[in-house]
Amino acid sequence: MSRSLTLQVGGFVPFTTVDYPGKLSAVVFCQGCPWRCGYCHNPHLQCFQRGQIAWCEILARLEKRIGFLDAVVFSGGEPTAQASLADAIREIKDLGFLIGLHTAGIYPARLAKILPHLDWVGFDFKAPLDARYDQLTGARRSADAVAESLALLLEAKVPHQIRTTLDPARLDELARSDLARHLRQSGAGPTHWQTCRKAAEEPAL
């Protein structure tokens, strides 16, 4: 029995056209995130608790979609918060799907291990790489982790999109300018600004 069977899944969307650009995808929402961003789109996935759907059920549902879907995206929460993510990715890869990941870059070491198995990454870049990152996430040294993860992503040359949630209450004009500068200095392209949407409905099971 593989360790991926312990993956805590908080929700599952069987079909989407927006979570992996240009691909028909399913989304696995992983339970748990150590950060507490005030505008979090999925606050019900923050707590590290038992998932809503067994991993074996997710596999069974995806097996029925072979030939109909292009990709499976792991989102959250923060998918890399779970050590069993790597095994889950390998199992989905074995089914023939492309693998997408939505991450905030919280765990650089875990991201480094799975980057060779990823086909696309949506990277959540939240704030300028200074004390303002910690203020937004509620976590110490969060900017350091993000900077390291971004460097790993760029070095791996995995196709990706950098995204930033635009919450005017947290990112004023100066912060947005500093954020863009930090991205340029890191060698990354410009970010894709997302509209701030709070208190999302729970993903379909």
N, C-alpha and C. Protein backbone atom coordinates (compact mmCIF):
# COMPACT_ATOMS: atom_id res chain seq x y z
N MET A 1 0.86 -1.21 0.00
CA MET A 1 0.00 0.00 0.00
C MET A 1 0.88 1.24 0.00
N SER A 2 0.67 2.12 -0.97
CA SER A 2 1.54 3.28 -1.08
C SER A 2 1.15 4.36 -0.08
N ARG A 3 2.15 5.17 0.27
CA ARG A 3 1.90 6.22 1.25
C ARG A 3 0.90 7.24 0.73
N SER A 4 0.73 7.34 -0.56
CA SER A 4 -0.20 8.33 -1.10
C SER A 4 -1.63 8.06 -0.67
N LEU A 5 -1.91 6.81 -0.23
CA LEU A 5 -3.26 6.50 0.23
C LEU A 5 -3.59 7.26 1.51
N THR A 6 -2.61 7.91 2.12
CA THR A 6 -2.86 8.72 3.31
C THR A 6 -3.10 10.18 2.94
N LEU A 7 -3.07 10.52 1.66
CA LEU A 7 -3.29 11.91 1.26
C LEU A 7 -4.66 12.37 1.74
N GLN A 8 -4.68 13.49 2.45
CA GLN A 8 -5.92 14.02 2.98
C GLN A 8 -6.55 14.96 1.93
N VAL A 9 -7.66 14.54 1.38
CA VAL A 9 -8.32 15.27 0.30
C VAL A 9 -9.55 15.99 0.85
N GLY A 10 -9.57 17.31 0.69
CA GLY A 10 -10.67 18.10 1.21
C GLY A 10 -11.76 18.38 0.20
N GLY A 11 -11.51 18.06 -1.07
CA GLY A 11 -12.51 18.29 -2.10
C GLY A 11 -12.00 17.84 -3.46
N PHE A 12 -12.92 17.69 -4.40
CA PHE A 12 -12.56 17.21 -5.72
C PHE A 12 -13.49 17.83 -6.75
N VAL A 13 -12.92 18.41 -7.79
CA VAL A 13 -13.69 18.93 -8.92
C VAL A 13 -13.36 18.05 -10.13
N PRO A 14 -14.33 17.35 -10.68
CA PRO A 14 -14.04 16.38 -11.74
C PRO A 14 -13.76 16.99 -13.10
N PHE A 15 -14.12 18.26 -13.30
CA PHE A 15 -13.90 18.88 -14.61
C PHE A 15 -13.77 20.39 -14.47
N THR A 16 -12.70 20.93 -15.06
CA THR A 16 -12.50 22.37 -15.08
C THR A 16 -11.68 22.75 -16.29
N THR A 17 -11.90 23.96 -16.79
CA THR A 17 -11.12 24.47 -17.92
C THR A 17 -10.21 25.63 -17.52
N VAL A 18 -10.20 25.98 -16.23
CA VAL A 18 -9.50 27.19 -15.81
C VAL A 18 -8.32 26.94 -14.88
N ASP A 19 -8.15 25.75 -14.35
CA ASP A 19 -7.13 25.53 -13.33
C ASP A 19 -5.78 25.08 -13.89
N TYR A 20 -5.75 24.71 -15.17
CA TYR A 20 -4.52 24.37 -15.88
C TYR A 20 -4.70 24.97 -17.27
N PRO A 21 -4.02 26.06 -17.58
CA PRO A 21 -4.26 26.78 -18.84
C PRO A 21 -4.19 25.87 -20.06
N GLY A 22 -5.27 25.91 -20.84
CA GLY A 22 -5.30 25.19 -22.09
C GLY A 22 -5.56 23.70 -21.99
N LYS A 23 -5.85 23.20 -20.79
CA LYS A 23 -6.06 21.77 -20.59
C LYS A 23 -7.39 21.51 -19.87
N LEU A 24 -8.02 20.40 -20.23
CA LEU A 24 -9.19 19.93 -19.50
C LEU A 24 -8.69 19.15 -18.29
N SER A 25 -9.13 19.55 -17.13
CA SER A 25 -8.52 19.03 -15.91
C SER A 25 -9.53 18.65 -14.85
N ALA A 26 -9.06 17.86 -13.90
CA ALA A 26 -9.73 17.64 -12.63
C ALA A 26 -8.85 18.28 -11.55
N VAL A 27 -9.45 18.66 -10.43
CA VAL A 27 -8.69 19.29 -9.35
C VAL A 27 -8.88 18.51 -8.06
N VAL A 28 -7.76 18.15 -7.44
CA VAL A 28 -7.76 17.52 -6.13
C VAL A 28 -7.37 18.59 -5.12
N PHE A 29 -8.28 18.90 -4.19
CA PHE A 29 -8.01 19.91 -3.17
C PHE A 29 -7.44 19.23 -1.93
N CYS A 30 -6.18 19.50 -1.65
CA CYS A 30 -5.50 18.90 -0.51
C CYS A 30 -5.81 19.68 0.78
N GLN A 31 -6.01 18.95 1.85
CA GLN A 31 -6.37 19.55 3.13
C GLN A 31 -5.12 20.07 3.84
N GLY A 32 -5.24 21.27 4.42
CA GLY A 32 -4.20 21.79 5.29
C GLY A 32 -3.34 22.87 4.69
N CYS A 33 -3.10 23.93 5.47
CA CYS A 33 -2.18 25.00 5.10
C CYS A 33 -1.73 25.70 6.38
N PRO A 34 -0.42 25.95 6.55
CA PRO A 34 0.05 26.58 7.79
C PRO A 34 -0.09 28.10 7.79
N TRP A 35 -0.39 28.69 6.65
CA TRP A 35 -0.52 30.14 6.59
C TRP A 35 -1.97 30.56 6.79
N ARG A 36 -2.14 31.82 7.18
CA ARG A 36 -3.48 32.36 7.46
C ARG A 36 -3.66 33.70 6.76
N CYS A 37 -3.65 33.66 5.44
CA CYS A 37 -3.84 34.88 4.65
C CYS A 37 -5.28 35.36 4.82
N GLY A 38 -5.45 36.63 5.07
CA GLY A 38 -6.77 37.16 5.39
C GLY A 38 -7.78 37.03 4.28
N TYR A 39 -7.33 36.95 3.03
CA TYR A 39 -8.26 36.87 1.90
C TYR A 39 -8.41 35.44 1.39
N CYS A 40 -7.98 34.45 2.16
CA CYS A 40 -7.93 33.06 1.69
C CYS A 40 -9.23 32.65 0.98
N HIS A 41 -9.06 32.06 -0.21
CA HIS A 41 -10.20 31.66 -1.03
C HIS A 41 -10.83 30.36 -0.53
N ASN A 42 -10.04 29.53 0.17
CA ASN A 42 -10.53 28.24 0.67
C ASN A 42 -10.22 28.07 2.16
N PRO A 43 -10.76 28.92 3.01
CA PRO A 43 -10.42 28.83 4.45
C PRO A 43 -10.81 27.50 5.09
N HIS A 44 -11.80 26.81 4.53
CA HIS A 44 -12.21 25.52 5.09
C HIS A 44 -11.15 24.45 4.87
N LEU A 45 -10.14 24.74 4.04
CA LEU A 45 -9.06 23.78 3.81
C LEU A 45 -7.81 24.08 4.63
N GLN A 46 -7.85 25.10 5.47
CA GLN A 46 -6.66 25.48 6.23
C GLN A 46 -6.30 24.47 7.31
N CYS A 47 -7.26 23.96 8.00
CA CYS A 47 -6.99 23.07 9.14
C CYS A 47 -6.43 21.73 8.67
N PHE A 48 -5.48 21.22 9.41
CA PHE A 48 -4.93 19.90 9.12
C PHE A 48 -5.81 18.87 9.82
N GLN A 49 -6.76 18.37 9.10
CA GLN A 49 -7.71 17.42 9.66
C GLN A 49 -7.92 16.30 8.65
N ARG A 50 -8.68 15.33 9.04
CA ARG A 50 -8.93 14.22 8.13
C ARG A 50 -9.70 14.70 6.91
N GLY A 51 -9.27 14.20 5.74
CA GLY A 51 -9.90 14.63 4.50
C GLY A 51 -11.32 14.15 4.36
N GLN A 52 -12.01 14.68 3.35
CA GLN A 52 -13.41 14.36 3.10
C GLN A 52 -13.58 13.15 2.17
N ILE A 53 -12.55 12.86 1.36
CA ILE A 53 -12.66 11.80 0.36
C ILE A 53 -11.43 10.91 0.45
N ALA A 54 -11.63 9.61 0.42
CA ALA A 54 -10.51 8.67 0.45
C ALA A 54 -9.73 8.75 -0.87
N TRP A 55 -8.41 8.62 -0.78
CA TRP A 55 -7.59 8.70 -1.97
C TRP A 55 -7.94 7.60 -2.98
N CYS A 56 -8.27 6.43 -2.51
CA CYS A 56 -8.62 5.34 -3.43
C CYS A 56 -9.86 5.70 -4.24
N GLU A 57 -10.77 6.48 -3.66
CA GLU A 57 -11.95 6.92 -4.40
C GLU A 57 -11.57 7.92 -5.48
N ILE A 58 -10.62 8.81 -5.17
CA ILE A 58 -10.14 9.77 -6.17
C ILE A 58 -9.53 9.02 -7.34
N LEU A 59 -8.70 8.04 -7.06
CA LEU A 59 -8.08 7.26 -8.13
C LEU A 59 -9.13 6.57 -9.00
N ALA A 60 -10.12 6.00 -8.36
CA ALA A 60 -11.16 5.30 -9.11
C ALA A 60 -11.92 6.25 -10.03
N ARG A 61 -12.20 7.45 -9.55
CA ARG A 61 -12.93 8.42 -10.37
C ARG A 61 -12.07 8.92 -11.53
N LEU A 62 -10.77 9.07 -11.28
CA LEU A 62 -9.89 9.54 -12.35
C LEU A 62 -9.66 8.46 -13.40
N GLU A 63 -9.62 7.22 -12.99
CA GLU A 63 -9.45 6.13 -13.95
C GLU A 63 -10.59 6.13 -14.98
N LYS A 64 -11.78 6.53 -14.56
CA LYS A 64 -12.92 6.58 -15.47
C LYS A 64 -12.83 7.76 -16.44
N ARG A 65 -11.92 8.70 -16.16
CA ARG A 65 -11.79 9.89 -17.00
C ARG A 65 -10.57 9.84 -17.91
N ILE A 66 -9.86 8.71 -17.92
CA ILE A 66 -8.73 8.55 -18.83
C ILE A 66 -9.24 8.67 -20.27
N GLY A 67 -8.60 9.51 -21.04
CA GLY A 67 -9.02 9.75 -22.42
C GLY A 67 -9.96 10.93 -22.58
N PHE A 68 -10.53 11.39 -21.48
CA PHE A 68 -11.44 12.55 -21.51
C PHE A 68 -10.78 13.80 -20.94
N LEU A 69 -9.90 13.61 -19.95
CA LEU A 69 -9.19 14.72 -19.33
C LEU A 69 -7.72 14.70 -19.74
N ASP A 70 -7.13 15.90 -19.75
CA ASP A 70 -5.70 16.01 -20.04
C ASP A 70 -4.84 15.95 -18.78
N ALA A 71 -5.35 16.54 -17.70
CA ALA A 71 -4.48 16.78 -16.55
C ALA A 71 -5.24 16.66 -15.24
N VAL A 72 -4.45 16.51 -14.17
CA VAL A 72 -4.95 16.57 -12.80
C VAL A 72 -4.14 17.62 -12.06
N VAL A 73 -4.83 18.53 -11.40
CA VAL A 73 -4.18 19.62 -10.67
C VAL A 73 -4.34 19.38 -9.17
N PHE A 74 -3.24 19.49 -8.45
CA PHE A 74 -3.28 19.42 -6.99
C PHE A 74 -3.29 20.85 -6.47
N SER A 75 -4.35 21.18 -5.71
CA SER A 75 -4.52 22.51 -5.18
C SER A 75 -4.77 22.39 -3.68
N GLY A 76 -5.25 23.46 -3.06
CA GLY A 76 -5.44 23.37 -1.62
C GLY A 76 -6.25 24.51 -1.06
N GLY A 77 -5.99 24.74 0.25
CA GLY A 77 -4.84 24.34 1.06
C GLY A 77 -3.51 24.55 0.37
N GLU A 78 -2.52 23.91 0.95
CA GLU A 78 -1.18 23.89 0.36
C GLU A 78 -0.79 22.44 0.13
N PRO A 79 -0.79 21.98 -1.12
CA PRO A 79 -0.54 20.56 -1.39
C PRO A 79 0.78 20.04 -0.83
N THR A 80 1.84 20.87 -0.88
CA THR A 80 3.14 20.40 -0.42
C THR A 80 3.23 20.28 1.10
N ALA A 81 2.18 20.65 1.79
CA ALA A 81 2.15 20.46 3.24
C ALA A 81 2.05 18.98 3.61
N GLN A 82 1.63 18.16 2.65
CA GLN A 82 1.47 16.73 2.91
C GLN A 82 2.63 15.95 2.30
N ALA A 83 3.32 15.20 3.12
CA ALA A 83 4.48 14.43 2.66
C ALA A 83 4.11 13.39 1.62
N SER A 84 2.88 12.92 1.63
CA SER A 84 2.45 11.87 0.71
C SER A 84 2.11 12.40 -0.69
N LEU A 85 2.24 13.72 -0.90
CA LEU A 85 1.90 14.29 -2.20
C LEU A 85 2.73 13.67 -3.32
N ALA A 86 4.02 13.46 -3.07
CA ALA A 86 4.89 12.93 -4.12
C ALA A 86 4.40 11.58 -4.62
N ASP A 87 3.97 10.70 -3.71
CA ASP A 87 3.46 9.40 -4.12
C ASP A 87 2.16 9.54 -4.89
N ALA A 88 1.31 10.46 -4.46
CA ALA A 88 0.05 10.69 -5.16
C ALA A 88 0.31 11.16 -6.59
N ILE A 89 1.27 12.05 -6.76
CA ILE A 89 1.61 12.55 -8.09
C ILE A 89 2.08 11.41 -8.98
N ARG A 90 2.92 10.55 -8.45
CA ARG A 90 3.42 9.44 -9.26
C ARG A 90 2.29 8.51 -9.69
N GLU A 91 1.34 8.28 -8.81
CA GLU A 91 0.22 7.40 -9.15
C GLU A 91 -0.64 8.01 -10.26
N ILE A 92 -0.87 9.31 -10.19
CA ILE A 92 -1.65 9.98 -11.22
C ILE A 92 -0.87 10.02 -12.54
N LYS A 93 0.42 10.25 -12.45
CA LYS A 93 1.26 10.26 -13.64
C LYS A 93 1.21 8.90 -14.34
N ASP A 94 1.19 7.82 -13.55
CA ASP A 94 1.12 6.48 -14.11
C ASP A 94 -0.18 6.24 -14.88
N LEU A 95 -1.22 7.01 -14.58
CA LEU A 95 -2.49 6.89 -15.31
C LEU A 95 -2.44 7.62 -16.65
N GLY A 96 -1.38 8.38 -16.87
CA GLY A 96 -1.23 9.07 -18.16
C GLY A 96 -1.62 10.53 -18.16
N PHE A 97 -1.95 11.09 -17.00
CA PHE A 97 -2.36 12.49 -16.93
C PHE A 97 -1.16 13.42 -16.79
N LEU A 98 -1.28 14.63 -17.34
CA LEU A 98 -0.36 15.70 -17.00
C LEU A 98 -0.62 16.11 -15.55
N ILE A 99 0.40 16.66 -14.90
CA ILE A 99 0.28 17.04 -13.49
C ILE A 99 0.47 18.54 -13.34
N GLY A 100 -0.53 19.19 -12.74
CA GLY A 100 -0.44 20.59 -12.39
C GLY A 100 -0.41 20.75 -10.88
N LEU A 101 0.20 21.83 -10.42
CA LEU A 101 0.29 22.11 -8.99
C LEU A 101 0.01 23.57 -8.73
N HIS A 102 -0.86 23.85 -7.77
CA HIS A 102 -1.04 25.20 -7.24
C HIS A 102 -0.30 25.25 -5.91
N THR A 103 0.65 26.15 -5.77
CA THR A 103 1.43 26.22 -4.53
C THR A 103 1.78 27.65 -4.19
N ALA A 104 1.97 27.90 -2.90
CA ALA A 104 2.45 29.19 -2.43
C ALA A 104 3.94 29.15 -2.12
N GLY A 105 4.59 28.02 -2.40
CA GLY A 105 6.03 27.92 -2.18
C GLY A 105 6.43 27.84 -0.73
N ILE A 106 5.56 27.25 0.10
CA ILE A 106 5.80 27.23 1.54
C ILE A 106 6.90 26.25 1.93
N TYR A 107 7.04 25.15 1.19
CA TYR A 107 7.98 24.09 1.55
C TYR A 107 8.96 23.85 0.39
N PRO A 108 10.05 24.61 0.31
CA PRO A 108 10.97 24.49 -0.82
C PRO A 108 11.55 23.08 -0.99
N ALA A 109 11.92 22.42 0.09
CA ALA A 109 12.54 21.09 -0.02
C ALA A 109 11.57 20.09 -0.65
N ARG A 110 10.32 20.14 -0.27
CA ARG A 110 9.33 19.23 -0.85
C ARG A 110 9.03 19.60 -2.30
N LEU A 111 9.00 20.89 -2.59
CA LEU A 111 8.78 21.31 -3.97
C LEU A 111 9.91 20.80 -4.86
N ALA A 112 11.15 20.87 -4.37
CA ALA A 112 12.29 20.43 -5.16
C ALA A 112 12.17 18.95 -5.55
N LYS A 113 11.62 18.14 -4.66
CA LYS A 113 11.51 16.70 -4.92
C LYS A 113 10.46 16.38 -5.98
N ILE A 114 9.42 17.20 -6.08
CA ILE A 114 8.35 16.87 -7.02
C ILE A 114 8.44 17.63 -8.33
N LEU A 115 9.28 18.67 -8.41
CA LEU A 115 9.37 19.46 -9.64
C LEU A 115 9.66 18.62 -10.88
N PRO A 116 10.51 17.59 -10.81
CA PRO A 116 10.76 16.79 -12.02
C PRO A 116 9.52 16.06 -12.54
N HIS A 117 8.49 15.93 -11.70
CA HIS A 117 7.29 15.19 -12.09
C HIS A 117 6.14 16.11 -12.47
N LEU A 118 6.37 17.43 -12.44
CA LEU A 118 5.31 18.39 -12.72
C LEU A 118 5.37 18.88 -14.15
N ASP A 119 4.20 19.13 -14.72
CA ASP A 119 4.11 19.66 -16.08
C ASP A 119 3.75 21.13 -16.12
N TRP A 120 3.18 21.64 -15.03
CA TRP A 120 2.80 23.05 -14.95
C TRP A 120 2.59 23.41 -13.49
N VAL A 121 2.96 24.65 -13.14
CA VAL A 121 2.82 25.14 -11.76
C VAL A 121 2.15 26.51 -11.77
N GLY A 122 1.12 26.67 -10.95
CA GLY A 122 0.56 27.97 -10.64
C GLY A 122 1.17 28.43 -9.33
N PHE A 123 2.03 29.45 -9.37
CA PHE A 123 2.80 29.87 -8.19
C PHE A 123 2.19 31.13 -7.60
N ASP A 124 1.75 31.04 -6.36
CA ASP A 124 1.08 32.13 -5.67
C ASP A 124 2.12 33.03 -5.00
N PHE A 125 2.36 34.19 -5.60
CA PHE A 125 3.33 35.16 -5.09
C PHE A 125 2.55 36.30 -4.46
N LYS A 126 2.61 36.41 -3.13
CA LYS A 126 1.61 37.18 -2.40
C LYS A 126 1.96 38.64 -2.13
N ALA A 127 3.26 38.95 -1.95
CA ALA A 127 3.64 40.27 -1.46
C ALA A 127 5.11 40.52 -1.76
N PRO A 128 5.60 41.74 -1.51
CA PRO A 128 7.04 41.97 -1.64
C PRO A 128 7.82 41.05 -0.70
N LEU A 129 9.03 40.69 -1.12
CA LEU A 129 9.82 39.72 -0.35
C LEU A 129 10.53 40.40 0.82
N ASP A 130 9.73 40.81 1.80
CA ASP A 130 10.26 41.43 3.01
C ASP A 130 9.28 41.18 4.14
N ALA A 131 9.31 41.99 5.18
CA ALA A 131 8.45 41.76 6.33
C ALA A 131 6.97 41.80 6.00
N ARG A 132 6.61 42.41 4.89
CA ARG A 132 5.20 42.48 4.49
C ARG A 132 4.66 41.09 4.14
N TYR A 133 5.53 40.19 3.72
CA TYR A 133 5.08 38.82 3.44
C TYR A 133 4.60 38.16 4.73
N ASP A 134 5.38 38.30 5.79
CA ASP A 134 5.01 37.71 7.07
C ASP A 134 3.71 38.32 7.60
N GLN A 135 3.54 39.60 7.38
CA GLN A 135 2.32 40.26 7.84
C GLN A 135 1.10 39.68 7.13
N LEU A 136 1.26 39.37 5.86
CA LEU A 136 0.12 38.87 5.09
C LEU A 136 -0.18 37.40 5.43
N THR A 137 0.88 36.60 5.58
CA THR A 137 0.68 35.16 5.80
C THR A 137 0.49 34.79 7.26
N GLY A 138 0.93 35.66 8.18
CA GLY A 138 0.87 35.33 9.59
C GLY A 138 1.92 34.31 10.00
N ALA A 139 2.97 34.17 9.18
CA ALA A 139 4.02 33.17 9.46
C ALA A 139 5.39 33.82 9.37
N ARG A 140 6.29 33.43 10.26
CA ARG A 140 7.63 34.00 10.27
C ARG A 140 8.46 33.46 9.10
N ARG A 141 9.28 34.32 8.52
CA ARG A 141 10.24 33.98 7.46
C ARG A 141 9.56 33.35 6.24
N SER A 142 8.32 33.72 6.02
CA SER A 142 7.61 33.16 4.86
C SER A 142 8.24 33.66 3.55
N ALA A 143 8.74 34.89 3.54
CA ALA A 143 9.36 35.42 2.32
C ALA A 143 10.59 34.61 1.94
N ASP A 144 11.34 34.13 2.91
CA ASP A 144 12.54 33.33 2.61
C ASP A 144 12.15 32.04 1.90
N ALA A 145 11.11 31.39 2.38
CA ALA A 145 10.66 30.13 1.76
C ALA A 145 10.20 30.38 0.34
N VAL A 146 9.45 31.45 0.13
CA VAL A 146 8.93 31.76 -1.20
C VAL A 146 10.06 32.08 -2.17
N ALA A 147 11.04 32.85 -1.73
CA ALA A 147 12.17 33.20 -2.59
C ALA A 147 12.92 31.94 -3.01
N GLU A 148 13.13 31.01 -2.08
CA GLU A 148 13.83 29.77 -2.40
C GLU A 148 13.01 28.92 -3.37
N SER A 149 11.71 28.82 -3.12
CA SER A 149 10.85 28.01 -4.00
C SER A 149 10.78 28.60 -5.41
N LEU A 150 10.69 29.93 -5.51
CA LEU A 150 10.64 30.57 -6.81
C LEU A 150 11.93 30.30 -7.59
N ALA A 151 13.06 30.38 -6.90
CA ALA A 151 14.35 30.11 -7.55
C ALA A 151 14.39 28.67 -8.06
N LEU A 152 13.89 27.73 -7.28
CA LEU A 152 13.86 26.33 -7.70
C LEU A 152 12.98 26.14 -8.93
N LEU A 153 11.83 26.81 -8.94
CA LEU A 153 10.91 26.70 -10.06
C LEU A 153 11.53 27.24 -11.34
N LEU A 154 12.18 28.39 -11.24
CA LEU A 154 12.79 29.00 -12.41
C LEU A 154 13.96 28.16 -12.92
N GLU A 155 14.73 27.60 -12.01
CA GLU A 155 15.86 26.76 -12.40
C GLU A 155 15.39 25.49 -13.10
N ALA A 156 14.27 24.94 -12.63
CA ALA A 156 13.75 23.70 -13.21
C ALA A 156 13.13 23.93 -14.58
N LYS A 157 12.79 25.18 -14.89
CA LYS A 157 12.19 25.53 -16.18
C LYS A 157 10.88 24.79 -16.44
N VAL A 158 10.13 24.54 -15.38
CA VAL A 158 8.80 23.96 -15.52
C VAL A 158 7.84 25.06 -15.97
N PRO A 159 7.02 24.83 -16.98
CA PRO A 159 6.04 25.85 -17.37
C PRO A 159 5.21 26.29 -16.16
N HIS A 160 4.97 27.58 -16.04
CA HIS A 160 4.30 28.08 -14.84
C HIS A 160 3.62 29.41 -15.11
N GLN A 161 2.82 29.78 -14.15
CA GLN A 161 2.20 31.11 -14.13
C GLN A 161 2.33 31.64 -12.71
N ILE A 162 2.86 32.85 -12.58
CA ILE A 162 2.94 33.50 -11.28
C ILE A 162 1.67 34.32 -11.11
N ARG A 163 1.02 34.14 -9.95
CA ARG A 163 -0.26 34.83 -9.71
C ARG A 163 -0.20 35.57 -8.38
N THR A 164 -0.85 36.71 -8.32
CA THR A 164 -0.95 37.49 -7.08
C THR A 164 -2.39 37.92 -6.88
N THR A 165 -2.92 37.64 -5.70
CA THR A 165 -4.27 38.09 -5.36
C THR A 165 -4.23 39.56 -4.98
N LEU A 166 -4.98 40.36 -5.68
CA LEU A 166 -4.96 41.80 -5.45
C LEU A 166 -6.03 42.18 -4.43
N ASP A 167 -5.58 42.34 -3.20
CA ASP A 167 -6.44 42.81 -2.12
C ASP A 167 -5.97 44.22 -1.76
N PRO A 168 -6.70 45.27 -2.18
CA PRO A 168 -6.25 46.64 -1.95
C PRO A 168 -6.00 46.95 -0.47
N ALA A 169 -6.68 46.23 0.43
CA ALA A 169 -6.49 46.47 1.85
C ALA A 169 -5.11 46.00 2.33
N ARG A 170 -4.48 45.11 1.55
CA ARG A 170 -3.19 44.55 1.96
C ARG A 170 -2.05 44.89 1.01
N LEU A 171 -2.37 45.20 -0.22
CA LEU A 171 -1.34 45.55 -1.20
C LEU A 171 -1.64 46.93 -1.77
N ASP A 172 -1.02 47.95 -1.20
CA ASP A 172 -1.21 49.30 -1.73
C ASP A 172 -0.32 49.48 -2.97
N GLU A 173 -0.33 50.66 -3.53
CA GLU A 173 0.40 50.90 -4.78
C GLU A 173 1.91 50.68 -4.60
N LEU A 174 2.45 51.11 -3.46
CA LEU A 174 3.88 50.92 -3.21
C LEU A 174 4.21 49.43 -3.11
N ALA A 175 3.37 48.68 -2.40
CA ALA A 175 3.61 47.24 -2.26
C ALA A 175 3.55 46.54 -3.61
N ARG A 176 2.62 46.94 -4.45
CA ARG A 176 2.52 46.32 -5.77
C ARG A 176 3.76 46.63 -6.61
N SER A 177 4.26 47.85 -6.50
CA SER A 177 5.47 48.22 -7.22
C SER A 177 6.67 47.43 -6.72
N ASP A 178 6.79 47.30 -5.40
CA ASP A 178 7.90 46.54 -4.82
C ASP A 178 7.81 45.07 -5.18
N LEU A 179 6.60 44.53 -5.19
CA LEU A 179 6.40 43.13 -5.58
C LEU A 179 6.89 42.90 -7.01
N ALA A 180 6.51 43.78 -7.92
CA ALA A 180 6.93 43.64 -9.32
C ALA A 180 8.45 43.73 -9.43
N ARG A 181 9.05 44.60 -8.65
CA ARG A 181 10.51 44.75 -8.68
C ARG A 181 11.19 43.48 -8.18
N HIS A 182 10.68 42.91 -7.11
CA HIS A 182 11.27 41.68 -6.58
C HIS A 182 11.17 40.53 -7.58
N LEU A 183 10.07 40.47 -8.32
CA LEU A 183 9.94 39.44 -9.35
C LEU A 183 10.97 39.65 -10.46
N ARG A 184 11.14 40.90 -10.87
CA ARG A 184 12.15 41.19 -11.92
C ARG A 184 13.54 40.81 -11.44
N GLN A 185 13.85 41.14 -10.20
CA GLN A 185 15.18 40.84 -9.67
C GLN A 185 15.42 39.34 -9.55
N SER A 186 14.38 38.59 -9.36
CA SER A 186 14.52 37.14 -9.24
C SER A 186 14.67 36.46 -10.60
N GLY A 187 14.40 37.21 -11.66
CA GLY A 187 14.45 36.64 -13.00
C GLY A 187 13.12 36.11 -13.48
N ALA A 188 12.09 36.33 -12.71
CA ALA A 188 10.75 35.85 -13.08
C ALA A 188 10.04 36.88 -13.94
N GLY A 189 9.03 36.41 -14.64
CA GLY A 189 8.21 37.32 -15.43
C GLY A 189 7.21 38.04 -14.55
N PRO A 190 6.38 38.90 -15.14
CA PRO A 190 5.37 39.63 -14.36
C PRO A 190 4.32 38.69 -13.81
N THR A 191 3.67 39.13 -12.76
CA THR A 191 2.62 38.31 -12.15
C THR A 191 1.29 38.51 -12.88
N HIS A 192 0.42 37.54 -12.71
CA HIS A 192 -0.96 37.63 -13.20
C HIS A 192 -1.82 38.05 -12.00
N TRP A 193 -2.39 39.23 -12.08
CA TRP A 193 -3.18 39.75 -10.95
C TRP A 193 -4.56 39.08 -10.92
N GLN A 194 -4.91 38.57 -9.74
CA GLN A 194 -6.20 37.92 -9.55
C GLN A 194 -7.10 38.78 -8.68
N THR A 195 -8.37 38.78 -8.98
CA THR A 195 -9.34 39.50 -8.16
C THR A 195 -9.49 38.82 -6.81
N CYS A 196 -9.50 39.61 -5.77
CA CYS A 196 -9.65 39.07 -4.42
C CYS A 196 -11.08 38.56 -4.22
N ARG A 197 -11.19 37.27 -3.88
CA ARG A 197 -12.50 36.66 -3.62
C ARG A 197 -12.39 35.90 -2.31
N LYS A 198 -13.14 36.33 -1.31
CA LYS A 198 -13.06 35.73 0.01
C LYS A 198 -14.17 34.71 0.22
N ALA A 199 -13.95 33.87 1.22
CA ALA A 199 -14.99 32.93 1.68
C ALA A 199 -15.64 32.18 0.52
N ALA A 200 -14.82 31.44 -0.20
CA ALA A 200 -15.35 30.65 -1.32
C ALA A 200 -16.19 29.52 -0.82
N GLU A 201 -17.08 29.08 -1.67
CA GLU A 201 -17.84 27.89 -1.33
C GLU A 201 -16.91 26.69 -1.35
N GLU A 202 -17.24 25.67 -0.57
CA GLU A 202 -16.43 24.49 -0.54
C GLU A 202 -16.47 23.81 -1.90
N PRO A 203 -15.30 23.22 -2.33
CA PRO A 203 -15.29 22.53 -3.62
C PRO A 203 -16.21 21.32 -3.61
N ALA A 204 -16.71 20.97 -4.77
CA ALA A 204 -17.60 19.81 -4.88
C ALA A 204 -16.88 18.54 -4.48
N LEU A 205 -17.60 17.65 -3.84
CA LEU A 205 -17.02 16.37 -3.43
C LEU A 205 -17.24 15.34 -4.50
